[in-house]
Amino acid sequence: MMLIVYATREEAEHLRQKALGREVWRGRERLFGSGWRGLELGVGKANAAATLAAYLETHPEEERVLLIGIAGAYPGSGLTAGELVLAGEEIQADLGTASGLEPLGFPAVEVAGQRYYNHFPADPIWTAELLTRWRLEPRTFLTRDRVSESREEAAELARRWGAVVENMEGAAVAQTALLFGVAWAELRAISNEAGVRDKDRWDFAGALSAIARALDDLLA
């Protein structure tokens, strides 16, 4: 069984159309499909981590989590609106010093003797399966609660962390999945350039259509 998670209900519209059932779980939407379940997380790291942790605590049968949604592409990434991107790792950019948590001497989470500071690798086996299916190169994603407000800020974050995609939930899902021993992967579609706050220049429709096509292929 696969758990597909998303921050907002708008990002799961196509998934909702494929669902066989729907309920409200702790104020969040929960979907039921053939061989999969869906769960709304809410926006931002706190919502994503709290909702997913509460769910996994009460549903230990879950083994794989796929996070879907839209995202911003950093300047210089070469990514354009409507393009799909698969995460190779997530970076928690708000934690610790400007260069991360490791200089402070303690990890964000430790699992089976492995210390994770700001970098959380996607599950290699499942990500490889998705890579083969969608023919997407795994890329580095960056998670922040406060997204870039200018192109200059976005470019500096991309340079500092080596990331190409900006989002608000991925690292929280990654850290929570690692803590619970659940394989995680992440697929996002580019809706805008990071740092561009004018939503008239965003392409929601193109990004959501790209996610819909990927879900059709995955759930066929």
N, C-alpha and C. Protein backbone atom coordinates (compact mmCIF):
# COMPACT_ATOMS: atom_id res chain seq x y z
N MET A 1 0.85 -1.19 0.00
CA MET A 1 0.00 0.00 0.00
C MET A 1 0.88 1.25 0.00
N MET A 2 0.52 2.21 -0.80
CA MET A 2 1.29 3.45 -0.92
C MET A 2 0.49 4.62 -0.33
N LEU A 3 1.15 5.43 0.48
CA LEU A 3 0.54 6.62 1.03
C LEU A 3 1.01 7.82 0.23
N ILE A 4 0.08 8.52 -0.40
CA ILE A 4 0.41 9.73 -1.18
C ILE A 4 -0.02 10.94 -0.35
N VAL A 5 0.93 11.81 -0.05
CA VAL A 5 0.64 12.96 0.81
C VAL A 5 0.81 14.25 0.02
N TYR A 6 0.10 15.28 0.45
CA TYR A 6 0.11 16.56 -0.24
C TYR A 6 -0.23 17.66 0.76
N ALA A 7 0.25 18.86 0.49
CA ALA A 7 0.06 19.97 1.43
C ALA A 7 -1.33 20.55 1.35
N THR A 8 -1.81 20.77 0.13
CA THR A 8 -3.11 21.44 -0.06
C THR A 8 -4.03 20.58 -0.90
N ARG A 9 -5.30 20.78 -0.74
CA ARG A 9 -6.27 19.98 -1.49
C ARG A 9 -6.24 20.30 -2.98
N GLU A 10 -5.85 21.52 -3.33
CA GLU A 10 -5.74 21.89 -4.73
C GLU A 10 -4.71 21.01 -5.44
N GLU A 11 -3.64 20.66 -4.75
CA GLU A 11 -2.59 19.85 -5.35
C GLU A 11 -3.03 18.40 -5.55
N ALA A 12 -4.12 18.00 -4.92
CA ALA A 12 -4.59 16.62 -5.01
C ALA A 12 -5.91 16.49 -5.76
N GLU A 13 -6.28 17.49 -6.55
CA GLU A 13 -7.56 17.45 -7.24
C GLU A 13 -7.68 16.23 -8.14
N HIS A 14 -6.64 15.93 -8.89
CA HIS A 14 -6.70 14.77 -9.79
C HIS A 14 -6.74 13.47 -8.99
N LEU A 15 -5.99 13.43 -7.91
CA LEU A 15 -6.00 12.25 -7.04
C LEU A 15 -7.39 12.03 -6.46
N ARG A 16 -8.03 13.12 -6.09
CA ARG A 16 -9.39 13.04 -5.53
C ARG A 16 -10.37 12.44 -6.54
N GLN A 17 -10.18 12.78 -7.80
CA GLN A 17 -11.05 12.26 -8.85
C GLN A 17 -10.87 10.75 -9.03
N LYS A 18 -9.69 10.24 -8.69
CA LYS A 18 -9.42 8.81 -8.84
C LYS A 18 -9.79 8.02 -7.59
N ALA A 19 -10.10 8.72 -6.50
CA ALA A 19 -10.36 8.06 -5.22
C ALA A 19 -11.69 7.31 -5.24
N LEU A 20 -11.72 6.24 -4.47
CA LEU A 20 -12.94 5.45 -4.31
C LEU A 20 -13.70 5.86 -3.05
N GLY A 21 -13.05 6.62 -2.17
CA GLY A 21 -13.69 7.07 -0.94
C GLY A 21 -12.94 8.22 -0.32
N ARG A 22 -13.60 8.93 0.58
CA ARG A 22 -13.00 10.10 1.20
C ARG A 22 -13.57 10.25 2.61
N GLU A 23 -12.72 10.71 3.55
CA GLU A 23 -13.17 11.01 4.90
C GLU A 23 -12.32 12.13 5.46
N VAL A 24 -12.73 12.65 6.61
CA VAL A 24 -11.95 13.67 7.31
C VAL A 24 -11.27 13.00 8.50
N TRP A 25 -9.95 13.14 8.57
CA TRP A 25 -9.17 12.53 9.64
C TRP A 25 -8.42 13.64 10.37
N ARG A 26 -8.81 13.89 11.62
CA ARG A 26 -8.19 14.95 12.44
C ARG A 26 -8.18 16.29 11.69
N GLY A 27 -9.26 16.57 11.01
CA GLY A 27 -9.39 17.82 10.29
C GLY A 27 -8.73 17.84 8.93
N ARG A 28 -8.09 16.74 8.55
CA ARG A 28 -7.42 16.66 7.27
C ARG A 28 -8.18 15.70 6.35
N GLU A 29 -8.05 15.93 5.07
CA GLU A 29 -8.67 15.04 4.09
C GLU A 29 -7.89 13.73 4.00
N ARG A 30 -8.64 12.64 3.94
CA ARG A 30 -8.05 11.32 3.72
C ARG A 30 -8.77 10.66 2.56
N LEU A 31 -8.00 10.14 1.58
CA LEU A 31 -8.57 9.52 0.39
C LEU A 31 -8.24 8.04 0.37
N PHE A 32 -9.09 7.28 -0.31
CA PHE A 32 -8.89 5.84 -0.44
C PHE A 32 -8.98 5.46 -1.91
N GLY A 33 -7.96 4.75 -2.40
CA GLY A 33 -7.97 4.29 -3.78
C GLY A 33 -7.58 2.83 -3.85
N SER A 34 -7.47 2.33 -5.05
CA SER A 34 -7.09 0.94 -5.27
C SER A 34 -5.57 0.81 -5.16
N GLY A 35 -5.11 0.30 -4.03
CA GLY A 35 -3.68 0.13 -3.80
C GLY A 35 -2.98 1.36 -3.25
N TRP A 36 -3.74 2.39 -2.91
CA TRP A 36 -3.13 3.59 -2.37
C TRP A 36 -4.09 4.31 -1.41
N ARG A 37 -3.51 5.16 -0.58
CA ARG A 37 -4.27 6.08 0.27
C ARG A 37 -3.70 7.48 0.08
N GLY A 38 -4.51 8.49 0.32
CA GLY A 38 -4.06 9.87 0.23
C GLY A 38 -4.28 10.59 1.54
N LEU A 39 -3.41 11.54 1.86
CA LEU A 39 -3.53 12.28 3.12
C LEU A 39 -3.09 13.72 2.93
N GLU A 40 -3.96 14.65 3.28
CA GLU A 40 -3.64 16.07 3.28
C GLU A 40 -2.80 16.38 4.52
N LEU A 41 -1.71 17.12 4.34
CA LEU A 41 -0.80 17.42 5.46
C LEU A 41 -0.98 18.83 6.01
N GLY A 42 -1.36 19.79 5.17
CA GLY A 42 -1.34 21.19 5.57
C GLY A 42 -0.05 21.84 5.10
N VAL A 43 -0.03 23.16 5.11
CA VAL A 43 1.09 23.93 4.55
C VAL A 43 2.20 24.12 5.59
N GLY A 44 3.45 23.94 5.17
CA GLY A 44 4.59 24.22 6.03
C GLY A 44 5.09 22.99 6.77
N LYS A 45 6.30 23.14 7.33
CA LYS A 45 6.98 22.01 7.96
C LYS A 45 6.26 21.51 9.21
N ALA A 46 5.78 22.40 10.06
CA ALA A 46 5.13 21.96 11.30
C ALA A 46 3.88 21.15 11.01
N ASN A 47 3.04 21.65 10.10
CA ASN A 47 1.84 20.91 9.73
C ASN A 47 2.19 19.56 9.13
N ALA A 48 3.16 19.55 8.21
CA ALA A 48 3.52 18.31 7.53
C ALA A 48 4.06 17.27 8.50
N ALA A 49 4.97 17.68 9.38
CA ALA A 49 5.57 16.73 10.32
C ALA A 49 4.55 16.23 11.33
N ALA A 50 3.75 17.13 11.89
CA ALA A 50 2.78 16.74 12.91
C ALA A 50 1.72 15.80 12.34
N THR A 51 1.20 16.15 11.17
CA THR A 51 0.15 15.32 10.59
C THR A 51 0.67 13.95 10.19
N LEU A 52 1.82 13.92 9.52
CA LEU A 52 2.36 12.64 9.08
C LEU A 52 2.76 11.77 10.27
N ALA A 53 3.38 12.36 11.29
CA ALA A 53 3.78 11.59 12.46
C ALA A 53 2.57 11.00 13.18
N ALA A 54 1.52 11.80 13.35
CA ALA A 54 0.31 11.30 14.00
C ALA A 54 -0.31 10.16 13.20
N TYR A 55 -0.28 10.30 11.89
CA TYR A 55 -0.86 9.27 11.03
C TYR A 55 -0.04 7.98 11.08
N LEU A 56 1.28 8.09 10.94
CA LEU A 56 2.13 6.90 10.95
C LEU A 56 2.10 6.19 12.31
N GLU A 57 1.95 6.95 13.36
CA GLU A 57 1.87 6.36 14.70
C GLU A 57 0.65 5.45 14.82
N THR A 58 -0.42 5.80 14.16
CA THR A 58 -1.66 5.03 14.26
C THR A 58 -1.89 4.12 13.05
N HIS A 59 -1.00 4.18 12.07
CA HIS A 59 -1.11 3.32 10.88
C HIS A 59 0.26 2.72 10.57
N PRO A 60 0.73 1.81 11.42
CA PRO A 60 2.07 1.24 11.26
C PRO A 60 2.23 0.37 10.03
N GLU A 61 1.13 0.08 9.34
CA GLU A 61 1.22 -0.75 8.14
C GLU A 61 1.80 -0.01 6.93
N GLU A 62 1.86 1.32 7.01
CA GLU A 62 2.39 2.09 5.89
C GLU A 62 3.89 1.86 5.73
N GLU A 63 4.31 1.62 4.50
CA GLU A 63 5.72 1.34 4.22
C GLU A 63 6.36 2.33 3.27
N ARG A 64 5.54 3.03 2.47
CA ARG A 64 6.07 3.96 1.49
C ARG A 64 5.23 5.23 1.48
N VAL A 65 5.90 6.36 1.44
CA VAL A 65 5.23 7.66 1.37
C VAL A 65 5.73 8.40 0.14
N LEU A 66 4.80 8.91 -0.64
CA LEU A 66 5.15 9.75 -1.79
C LEU A 66 4.53 11.13 -1.58
N LEU A 67 5.37 12.15 -1.52
CA LEU A 67 4.90 13.53 -1.40
C LEU A 67 4.79 14.12 -2.80
N ILE A 68 3.61 14.69 -3.10
CA ILE A 68 3.41 15.35 -4.39
C ILE A 68 3.04 16.82 -4.16
N GLY A 69 3.27 17.65 -5.16
CA GLY A 69 2.88 19.05 -5.03
C GLY A 69 3.58 19.93 -6.05
N ILE A 70 3.32 21.23 -5.94
CA ILE A 70 3.98 22.21 -6.81
C ILE A 70 5.19 22.79 -6.08
N ALA A 71 6.05 23.46 -6.83
CA ALA A 71 7.26 24.03 -6.23
C ALA A 71 7.80 25.13 -7.12
N GLY A 72 8.74 25.91 -6.57
CA GLY A 72 9.43 26.94 -7.33
C GLY A 72 10.81 26.45 -7.76
N ALA A 73 11.22 26.83 -8.95
CA ALA A 73 12.55 26.47 -9.46
C ALA A 73 13.52 27.61 -9.21
N TYR A 74 14.70 27.29 -8.70
CA TYR A 74 15.70 28.32 -8.44
C TYR A 74 16.30 28.84 -9.75
N PRO A 75 16.68 30.11 -9.77
CA PRO A 75 17.34 30.67 -10.96
C PRO A 75 18.57 29.83 -11.31
N GLY A 76 18.74 29.56 -12.59
CA GLY A 76 19.88 28.79 -13.03
C GLY A 76 19.68 27.29 -13.01
N SER A 77 18.51 26.84 -12.54
CA SER A 77 18.26 25.40 -12.44
C SER A 77 18.00 24.77 -13.80
N GLY A 78 17.56 25.59 -14.76
CA GLY A 78 17.20 25.06 -16.06
C GLY A 78 15.81 24.47 -16.11
N LEU A 79 15.09 24.54 -15.00
CA LEU A 79 13.74 23.99 -14.93
C LEU A 79 12.72 25.05 -15.34
N THR A 80 11.67 24.60 -16.00
CA THR A 80 10.64 25.53 -16.47
C THR A 80 9.27 25.10 -15.94
N ALA A 81 8.32 26.01 -15.99
CA ALA A 81 6.97 25.75 -15.49
C ALA A 81 6.36 24.54 -16.20
N GLY A 82 5.73 23.68 -15.39
CA GLY A 82 5.11 22.48 -15.92
C GLY A 82 6.02 21.27 -15.93
N GLU A 83 7.29 21.46 -15.59
CA GLU A 83 8.25 20.36 -15.60
C GLU A 83 8.20 19.58 -14.29
N LEU A 84 8.29 18.26 -14.39
CA LEU A 84 8.31 17.40 -13.22
C LEU A 84 9.73 17.24 -12.69
N VAL A 85 9.86 17.16 -11.35
CA VAL A 85 11.17 16.99 -10.72
C VAL A 85 11.04 15.96 -9.61
N LEU A 86 11.99 15.03 -9.58
CA LEU A 86 12.04 13.99 -8.56
C LEU A 86 13.15 14.31 -7.57
N ALA A 87 12.86 14.20 -6.28
CA ALA A 87 13.86 14.55 -5.26
C ALA A 87 14.87 13.43 -5.07
N GLY A 88 16.15 13.82 -5.04
CA GLY A 88 17.20 12.90 -4.63
C GLY A 88 17.50 13.07 -3.15
N GLU A 89 17.31 14.31 -2.67
CA GLU A 89 17.44 14.61 -1.25
C GLU A 89 16.66 15.88 -0.95
N GLU A 90 16.32 16.04 0.33
CA GLU A 90 15.70 17.26 0.82
C GLU A 90 16.65 17.92 1.81
N ILE A 91 16.66 19.24 1.80
CA ILE A 91 17.48 20.02 2.72
C ILE A 91 16.58 20.87 3.59
N GLN A 92 16.80 20.80 4.89
CA GLN A 92 16.08 21.63 5.86
C GLN A 92 16.91 22.90 6.05
N ALA A 93 16.53 23.98 5.37
CA ALA A 93 17.37 25.17 5.32
C ALA A 93 17.16 26.13 6.48
N ASP A 94 16.12 25.92 7.29
CA ASP A 94 15.82 26.85 8.39
C ASP A 94 16.46 26.44 9.71
N LEU A 95 17.13 25.30 9.74
CA LEU A 95 17.58 24.73 11.01
C LEU A 95 19.07 24.93 11.23
N GLY A 96 19.41 25.56 12.38
CA GLY A 96 20.81 25.75 12.74
C GLY A 96 21.35 27.09 12.30
N THR A 97 22.61 27.12 11.94
CA THR A 97 23.27 28.34 11.49
C THR A 97 22.99 28.55 10.00
N ALA A 98 23.59 29.60 9.44
CA ALA A 98 23.41 29.85 8.01
C ALA A 98 23.96 28.71 7.18
N SER A 99 24.93 27.97 7.72
CA SER A 99 25.50 26.83 7.00
C SER A 99 24.94 25.50 7.48
N GLY A 100 23.94 25.56 8.36
CA GLY A 100 23.29 24.32 8.79
C GLY A 100 23.43 24.02 10.27
N LEU A 101 23.01 22.83 10.62
CA LEU A 101 22.94 22.42 12.02
C LEU A 101 24.24 21.78 12.51
N GLU A 102 25.00 21.17 11.63
CA GLU A 102 26.17 20.40 12.04
C GLU A 102 27.19 21.22 12.84
N PRO A 103 27.43 22.51 12.50
CA PRO A 103 28.38 23.29 13.31
C PRO A 103 28.00 23.40 14.78
N LEU A 104 26.72 23.21 15.10
CA LEU A 104 26.28 23.28 16.49
C LEU A 104 26.53 21.97 17.25
N GLY A 105 26.83 20.90 16.50
CA GLY A 105 27.26 19.67 17.15
C GLY A 105 26.21 18.63 17.43
N PHE A 106 24.98 18.84 17.00
CA PHE A 106 23.96 17.81 17.22
C PHE A 106 23.09 17.66 15.98
N PRO A 107 22.61 16.43 15.72
CA PRO A 107 21.81 16.19 14.51
C PRO A 107 20.34 16.53 14.71
N ALA A 108 19.64 16.68 13.59
CA ALA A 108 18.18 16.85 13.65
C ALA A 108 17.53 15.55 14.06
N VAL A 109 18.07 14.44 13.58
CA VAL A 109 17.54 13.12 13.92
C VAL A 109 18.66 12.10 13.71
N GLU A 110 18.64 11.05 14.53
CA GLU A 110 19.60 9.96 14.39
C GLU A 110 18.83 8.66 14.28
N VAL A 111 19.10 7.91 13.22
CA VAL A 111 18.39 6.66 12.96
C VAL A 111 19.42 5.57 12.67
N ALA A 112 19.35 4.50 13.45
CA ALA A 112 20.25 3.35 13.28
C ALA A 112 21.71 3.77 13.21
N GLY A 113 22.09 4.71 14.08
CA GLY A 113 23.46 5.16 14.14
C GLY A 113 23.85 6.19 13.10
N GLN A 114 22.94 6.52 12.19
CA GLN A 114 23.20 7.52 11.16
C GLN A 114 22.67 8.87 11.59
N ARG A 115 23.54 9.86 11.59
CA ARG A 115 23.14 11.21 11.97
C ARG A 115 22.74 12.02 10.74
N TYR A 116 21.58 12.66 10.84
CA TYR A 116 21.11 13.53 9.77
C TYR A 116 21.02 14.95 10.33
N TYR A 117 21.67 15.88 9.67
CA TYR A 117 21.68 17.26 10.12
C TYR A 117 20.65 18.07 9.32
N ASN A 118 21.01 18.51 8.16
CA ASN A 118 20.08 19.28 7.31
C ASN A 118 19.72 18.56 6.02
N HIS A 119 20.47 17.50 5.71
CA HIS A 119 20.28 16.77 4.46
C HIS A 119 19.60 15.43 4.72
N PHE A 120 18.51 15.18 3.98
CA PHE A 120 17.76 13.95 4.15
C PHE A 120 17.63 13.26 2.80
N PRO A 121 18.35 12.15 2.58
CA PRO A 121 18.30 11.47 1.28
C PRO A 121 16.99 10.73 1.07
N ALA A 122 16.47 10.79 -0.15
CA ALA A 122 15.29 10.01 -0.47
C ALA A 122 15.64 8.53 -0.47
N ASP A 123 14.63 7.70 -0.28
CA ASP A 123 14.87 6.25 -0.28
C ASP A 123 15.45 5.84 -1.64
N PRO A 124 16.63 5.24 -1.66
CA PRO A 124 17.29 4.99 -2.96
C PRO A 124 16.58 3.95 -3.81
N ILE A 125 16.01 2.93 -3.19
CA ILE A 125 15.38 1.86 -3.97
C ILE A 125 14.10 2.36 -4.63
N TRP A 126 13.25 2.98 -3.84
CA TRP A 126 11.98 3.44 -4.40
C TRP A 126 12.20 4.59 -5.39
N THR A 127 13.12 5.49 -5.06
CA THR A 127 13.41 6.59 -5.97
C THR A 127 13.95 6.07 -7.30
N ALA A 128 14.76 5.00 -7.25
CA ALA A 128 15.27 4.40 -8.48
C ALA A 128 14.12 3.82 -9.31
N GLU A 129 13.13 3.23 -8.65
CA GLU A 129 11.97 2.70 -9.37
C GLU A 129 11.20 3.84 -10.06
N LEU A 130 11.03 4.94 -9.35
CA LEU A 130 10.31 6.07 -9.92
C LEU A 130 11.12 6.74 -11.02
N LEU A 131 12.44 6.76 -10.85
CA LEU A 131 13.31 7.32 -11.88
C LEU A 131 13.14 6.55 -13.18
N THR A 132 13.12 5.21 -13.07
CA THR A 132 12.95 4.38 -14.26
C THR A 132 11.58 4.60 -14.89
N ARG A 133 10.57 4.74 -14.05
CA ARG A 133 9.21 4.91 -14.56
C ARG A 133 9.05 6.25 -15.27
N TRP A 134 9.53 7.33 -14.64
CA TRP A 134 9.29 8.67 -15.17
C TRP A 134 10.47 9.25 -15.94
N ARG A 135 11.62 8.57 -15.90
CA ARG A 135 12.83 9.05 -16.58
C ARG A 135 13.20 10.46 -16.12
N LEU A 136 13.23 10.62 -14.81
CA LEU A 136 13.59 11.90 -14.22
C LEU A 136 14.88 11.76 -13.42
N GLU A 137 15.75 12.72 -13.56
CA GLU A 137 16.99 12.73 -12.78
C GLU A 137 16.71 13.25 -11.38
N PRO A 138 17.10 12.50 -10.32
CA PRO A 138 16.89 13.01 -8.96
C PRO A 138 17.67 14.31 -8.74
N ARG A 139 17.02 15.28 -8.14
CA ARG A 139 17.62 16.59 -7.92
C ARG A 139 17.55 16.96 -6.44
N THR A 140 18.24 18.02 -6.07
CA THR A 140 18.28 18.47 -4.68
C THR A 140 17.19 19.51 -4.43
N PHE A 141 16.34 19.23 -3.44
CA PHE A 141 15.24 20.11 -3.05
C PHE A 141 15.61 20.83 -1.76
N LEU A 142 15.08 22.04 -1.59
CA LEU A 142 15.32 22.82 -0.38
C LEU A 142 13.98 23.20 0.24
N THR A 143 13.86 23.02 1.56
CA THR A 143 12.62 23.32 2.27
C THR A 143 12.82 24.50 3.22
N ARG A 144 11.89 25.45 3.13
CA ARG A 144 11.88 26.61 4.03
C ARG A 144 10.45 26.90 4.44
N ASP A 145 10.27 27.43 5.64
CA ASP A 145 8.95 27.91 6.04
C ASP A 145 8.65 29.24 5.36
N ARG A 146 9.67 30.06 5.20
CA ARG A 146 9.49 31.35 4.54
C ARG A 146 10.18 31.29 3.20
N VAL A 147 9.38 31.30 2.14
CA VAL A 147 9.95 31.13 0.80
C VAL A 147 10.64 32.41 0.33
N SER A 148 11.42 32.28 -0.72
CA SER A 148 12.19 33.41 -1.26
C SER A 148 11.25 34.53 -1.71
N GLU A 149 11.62 35.75 -1.39
CA GLU A 149 10.80 36.89 -1.74
C GLU A 149 11.38 37.71 -2.88
N SER A 150 12.55 37.31 -3.36
CA SER A 150 13.15 37.99 -4.52
C SER A 150 14.01 36.99 -5.27
N ARG A 151 14.29 37.33 -6.51
CA ARG A 151 15.14 36.46 -7.33
C ARG A 151 16.55 36.41 -6.74
N GLU A 152 17.01 37.51 -6.16
CA GLU A 152 18.35 37.56 -5.57
C GLU A 152 18.45 36.63 -4.37
N GLU A 153 17.43 36.65 -3.53
CA GLU A 153 17.42 35.75 -2.37
C GLU A 153 17.40 34.29 -2.82
N ALA A 154 16.59 34.00 -3.82
CA ALA A 154 16.50 32.63 -4.33
C ALA A 154 17.83 32.16 -4.90
N ALA A 155 18.49 33.04 -5.65
CA ALA A 155 19.78 32.68 -6.25
C ALA A 155 20.83 32.41 -5.18
N GLU A 156 20.81 33.18 -4.09
CA GLU A 156 21.78 32.98 -3.01
C GLU A 156 21.53 31.64 -2.31
N LEU A 157 20.28 31.29 -2.08
CA LEU A 157 19.97 30.00 -1.46
C LEU A 157 20.40 28.85 -2.36
N ALA A 158 20.16 28.98 -3.65
CA ALA A 158 20.58 27.94 -4.58
C ALA A 158 22.09 27.76 -4.56
N ARG A 159 22.81 28.87 -4.50
CA ARG A 159 24.28 28.82 -4.46
C ARG A 159 24.77 28.20 -3.17
N ARG A 160 24.18 28.61 -2.05
CA ARG A 160 24.65 28.16 -0.73
C ARG A 160 24.42 26.66 -0.53
N TRP A 161 23.27 26.17 -0.97
CA TRP A 161 22.90 24.79 -0.68
C TRP A 161 23.01 23.85 -1.87
N GLY A 162 23.20 24.37 -3.06
CA GLY A 162 23.28 23.51 -4.23
C GLY A 162 21.95 22.91 -4.62
N ALA A 163 20.86 23.61 -4.32
CA ALA A 163 19.52 23.10 -4.59
C ALA A 163 18.96 23.71 -5.87
N VAL A 164 17.96 23.03 -6.44
CA VAL A 164 17.32 23.53 -7.65
C VAL A 164 15.84 23.81 -7.46
N VAL A 165 15.25 23.30 -6.38
CA VAL A 165 13.80 23.42 -6.16
C VAL A 165 13.55 23.91 -4.74
N GLU A 166 12.58 24.82 -4.58
CA GLU A 166 12.20 25.33 -3.26
C GLU A 166 10.76 24.93 -2.94
N ASN A 167 10.55 24.44 -1.72
CA ASN A 167 9.21 24.06 -1.28
C ASN A 167 9.10 24.27 0.22
N MET A 168 7.94 23.94 0.80
CA MET A 168 7.70 24.25 2.21
C MET A 168 7.44 23.03 3.11
N GLU A 169 7.45 21.81 2.54
CA GLU A 169 7.11 20.64 3.35
C GLU A 169 8.08 19.46 3.24
N GLY A 170 8.85 19.40 2.17
CA GLY A 170 9.58 18.18 1.86
C GLY A 170 10.51 17.67 2.94
N ALA A 171 11.33 18.53 3.54
CA ALA A 171 12.27 18.07 4.56
C ALA A 171 11.55 17.53 5.78
N ALA A 172 10.39 18.10 6.10
CA ALA A 172 9.62 17.61 7.25
C ALA A 172 9.08 16.22 6.98
N VAL A 173 8.59 15.98 5.78
CA VAL A 173 8.12 14.65 5.41
C VAL A 173 9.30 13.67 5.43
N ALA A 174 10.42 14.09 4.89
CA ALA A 174 11.60 13.23 4.85
C ALA A 174 12.06 12.85 6.25
N GLN A 175 12.19 13.83 7.14
CA GLN A 175 12.66 13.55 8.49
C GLN A 175 11.69 12.65 9.24
N THR A 176 10.41 12.90 9.09
CA THR A 176 9.40 12.09 9.77
C THR A 176 9.43 10.66 9.25
N ALA A 177 9.52 10.49 7.94
CA ALA A 177 9.58 9.15 7.36
C ALA A 177 10.82 8.40 7.83
N LEU A 178 11.96 9.07 7.87
CA LEU A 178 13.17 8.43 8.36
C LEU A 178 13.01 7.97 9.81
N LEU A 179 12.41 8.82 10.63
CA LEU A 179 12.22 8.50 12.04
C LEU A 179 11.34 7.27 12.22
N PHE A 180 10.33 7.12 11.35
CA PHE A 180 9.40 6.00 11.45
C PHE A 180 9.83 4.79 10.62
N GLY A 181 10.96 4.88 9.95
CA GLY A 181 11.44 3.76 9.16
C GLY A 181 10.61 3.51 7.91
N VAL A 182 10.04 4.57 7.34
CA VAL A 182 9.19 4.46 6.15
C VAL A 182 9.95 5.04 4.95
N ALA A 183 9.95 4.32 3.84
CA ALA A 183 10.60 4.82 2.63
C ALA A 183 9.85 6.04 2.11
N TRP A 184 10.58 7.06 1.69
CA TRP A 184 9.92 8.26 1.17
C TRP A 184 10.51 8.67 -0.16
N ALA A 185 9.65 9.25 -0.97
CA ALA A 185 10.04 9.84 -2.25
C ALA A 185 9.22 11.10 -2.45
N GLU A 186 9.64 11.94 -3.38
CA GLU A 186 8.94 13.21 -3.58
C GLU A 186 8.94 13.60 -5.06
N LEU A 187 7.77 13.91 -5.56
CA LEU A 187 7.60 14.37 -6.93
C LEU A 187 6.90 15.72 -6.90
N ARG A 188 7.51 16.70 -7.55
CA ARG A 188 6.88 18.02 -7.65
C ARG A 188 6.89 18.51 -9.09
N ALA A 189 5.97 19.40 -9.36
CA ALA A 189 5.91 20.05 -10.67
C ALA A 189 6.18 21.53 -10.48
N ILE A 190 6.97 22.09 -11.36
CA ILE A 190 7.35 23.50 -11.25
C ILE A 190 6.17 24.39 -11.67
N SER A 191 5.82 25.31 -10.78
CA SER A 191 4.74 26.26 -11.07
C SER A 191 5.26 27.66 -11.31
N ASN A 192 6.49 27.94 -10.87
CA ASN A 192 7.02 29.31 -10.95
C ASN A 192 8.51 29.32 -10.69
N GLU A 193 9.12 30.46 -10.93
CA GLU A 193 10.51 30.65 -10.54
C GLU A 193 10.52 31.12 -9.09
N ALA A 194 11.35 30.50 -8.27
CA ALA A 194 11.46 30.88 -6.86
C ALA A 194 11.87 32.35 -6.77
N GLY A 195 11.21 33.07 -5.87
CA GLY A 195 11.48 34.49 -5.71
C GLY A 195 10.52 35.37 -6.47
N VAL A 196 9.77 34.81 -7.39
CA VAL A 196 8.76 35.56 -8.14
C VAL A 196 7.44 35.42 -7.41
N ARG A 197 6.98 36.49 -6.78
CA ARG A 197 5.78 36.41 -5.94
C ARG A 197 4.50 36.82 -6.69
N ASP A 198 4.65 37.30 -7.90
CA ASP A 198 3.50 37.69 -8.71
C ASP A 198 2.83 36.43 -9.26
N LYS A 199 1.69 36.07 -8.69
CA LYS A 199 1.06 34.81 -9.08
C LYS A 199 0.48 34.84 -10.49
N ASP A 200 0.38 36.02 -11.06
CA ASP A 200 -0.04 36.09 -12.46
C ASP A 200 1.01 35.49 -13.38
N ARG A 201 2.23 35.35 -12.86
CA ARG A 201 3.32 34.78 -13.64
C ARG A 201 3.55 33.31 -13.29
N TRP A 202 2.71 32.77 -12.45
CA TRP A 202 2.79 31.35 -12.10
C TRP A 202 1.93 30.54 -13.06
N ASP A 203 2.26 29.27 -13.20
CA ASP A 203 1.48 28.37 -14.05
C ASP A 203 0.97 27.20 -13.21
N PHE A 204 -0.08 27.48 -12.42
CA PHE A 204 -0.68 26.44 -11.60
C PHE A 204 -1.24 25.32 -12.48
N ALA A 205 -1.96 25.71 -13.52
CA ALA A 205 -2.64 24.73 -14.36
C ALA A 205 -1.64 23.76 -15.00
N GLY A 206 -0.54 24.31 -15.52
CA GLY A 206 0.46 23.45 -16.15
C GLY A 206 1.11 22.50 -15.16
N ALA A 207 1.40 23.01 -13.96
CA ALA A 207 2.03 22.17 -12.94
C ALA A 207 1.08 21.06 -12.50
N LEU A 208 -0.18 21.40 -12.25
CA LEU A 208 -1.14 20.40 -11.80
C LEU A 208 -1.42 19.37 -12.89
N SER A 209 -1.41 19.79 -14.14
CA SER A 209 -1.60 18.85 -15.24
C SER A 209 -0.44 17.86 -15.31
N ALA A 210 0.77 18.34 -15.06
CA ALA A 210 1.93 17.46 -15.06
C ALA A 210 1.84 16.42 -13.96
N ILE A 211 1.40 16.84 -12.77
CA ILE A 211 1.22 15.90 -11.67
C ILE A 211 0.15 14.88 -12.01
N ALA A 212 -0.94 15.33 -12.64
CA ALA A 212 -2.02 14.43 -13.02
C ALA A 212 -1.51 13.34 -13.96
N ARG A 213 -0.71 13.71 -14.94
CA ARG A 213 -0.19 12.72 -15.88
C ARG A 213 0.71 11.70 -15.18
N ALA A 214 1.54 12.19 -14.25
CA ALA A 214 2.42 11.27 -13.52
C ALA A 214 1.61 10.32 -12.65
N LEU A 215 0.55 10.81 -12.00
CA LEU A 215 -0.29 9.96 -11.17
C LEU A 215 -1.04 8.93 -12.02
N ASP A 216 -1.50 9.33 -13.20
CA ASP A 216 -2.17 8.39 -14.09
C ASP A 216 -1.24 7.22 -14.41
N ASP A 217 0.02 7.53 -14.67
CA ASP A 217 0.99 6.50 -14.99
C ASP A 217 1.28 5.62 -13.76
N LEU A 218 1.45 6.25 -12.61
CA LEU A 218 1.82 5.50 -11.40
C LEU A 218 0.70 4.60 -10.92
N LEU A 219 -0.54 5.06 -11.02
CA LEU A 219 -1.67 4.34 -10.45
C LEU A 219 -2.43 3.49 -11.47
N ALA A 220 -1.93 3.45 -12.70
CA ALA A 220 -2.61 2.67 -13.74
C ALA A 220 -2.64 1.18 -13.39
